[in-house]
Amino acid sequence: MTWNYRVIRHVGPNNKVCYRIHEVYYEGERVVTIAEEASAPSGGSVEELNDDFYRMRAAFDKPVLDYSEL
């Protein structure tokens, strides 16, 4: 199983749309699950925090996923 960060589109009450970054897990090309909570960059050092931030930034280079379709 592999994972990456992806931008997820959420539609809430009154059809209010918001976007969050989540961890998304795959088997091959198929999405099997996403982390329930949105992600925030973190790390045990400034360098690790920076690496995690850039992994999140890469999510903007991929198509947005719709939460209701996952």
Protein backbone atom coordinates (compact mmCIF):
# COMPACT_ATOMS: atom_id res chain seq x y z
CA MET A 1 0.00 0.00 0.00
CA THR A 2 1.25 3.49 -0.84
CA TRP A 3 0.06 6.92 0.19
CA ASN A 4 0.40 10.59 -0.61
CA TYR A 5 -1.27 13.86 0.24
CA ARG A 6 -4.21 14.99 -1.89
CA VAL A 7 -6.51 17.98 -1.96
CA ILE A 8 -10.03 16.82 -1.08
CA ARG A 9 -13.21 18.77 -1.87
CA HIS A 10 -15.81 18.67 0.92
CA VAL A 11 -19.40 19.85 0.66
CA GLY A 12 -20.94 20.75 4.00
CA PRO A 13 -24.23 22.09 5.25
CA ASN A 14 -25.99 24.52 2.90
CA ASN A 15 -23.74 23.19 0.09
CA LYS A 16 -20.78 25.15 1.46
CA VAL A 17 -17.63 23.91 -0.26
CA CYS A 18 -14.20 23.75 1.36
CA TYR A 19 -10.92 22.08 0.46
CA ARG A 20 -8.54 20.26 2.80
CA ILE A 21 -5.40 18.19 2.44
CA HIS A 22 -5.68 14.55 3.54
CA GLU A 23 -3.47 11.48 3.44
CA VAL A 24 -4.79 9.15 0.72
CA TYR A 25 -3.90 5.45 0.62
CA TYR A 26 -3.77 3.33 -2.54
CA GLU A 27 -3.52 -0.23 -3.73
CA GLY A 28 -1.97 0.24 -7.14
CA GLU A 29 -3.83 3.18 -8.70
CA ARG A 30 -7.04 2.59 -6.70
CA VAL A 31 -7.85 4.76 -3.67
CA VAL A 32 -8.66 2.45 -0.77
CA THR A 33 -9.05 4.95 2.06
CA ILE A 34 -8.32 8.49 3.19
CA ALA A 35 -7.40 9.81 6.61
CA GLU A 36 -10.55 11.03 8.33
CA GLU A 37 -8.93 14.21 9.63
CA ALA A 38 -7.23 16.80 7.44
CA SER A 39 -3.44 16.90 7.70
CA ALA A 40 -1.12 19.63 8.93
CA PRO A 41 2.61 19.60 8.21
CA SER A 42 4.73 18.21 11.02
CA GLY A 43 8.19 16.86 11.73
CA GLY A 44 10.69 16.05 14.43
CA SER A 45 13.00 18.76 13.13
CA VAL A 46 12.75 21.86 10.98
CA GLU A 47 14.11 19.84 8.05
CA GLU A 48 11.46 17.12 8.51
CA LEU A 49 8.74 19.79 8.76
CA ASN A 50 10.00 21.33 5.52
CA ASP A 51 10.01 17.90 3.81
CA ASP A 52 6.43 17.24 4.93
CA PHE A 53 5.35 20.69 3.74
CA TYR A 54 6.76 19.99 0.28
CA ARG A 55 5.00 16.60 0.15
CA MET A 56 1.77 18.47 0.90
CA ARG A 57 2.58 21.10 -1.71
CA ALA A 58 2.83 18.33 -4.32
CA ALA A 59 -0.89 17.60 -3.73
CA PHE A 60 -1.71 20.75 -5.71
CA ASP A 61 -0.13 19.19 -8.81
CA LYS A 62 -2.69 16.36 -8.82
CA PRO A 63 -6.43 16.41 -9.57
CA VAL A 64 -8.69 17.34 -6.66
CA LEU A 65 -10.63 14.39 -5.23
CA ASP A 66 -14.25 14.73 -4.15
CA TYR A 67 -14.94 13.41 -0.64
CA SER A 68 -18.45 12.27 -1.61
CA GLU A 69 -16.97 9.98 -4.29
CA LEU A 70 -14.45 8.24 -2.03
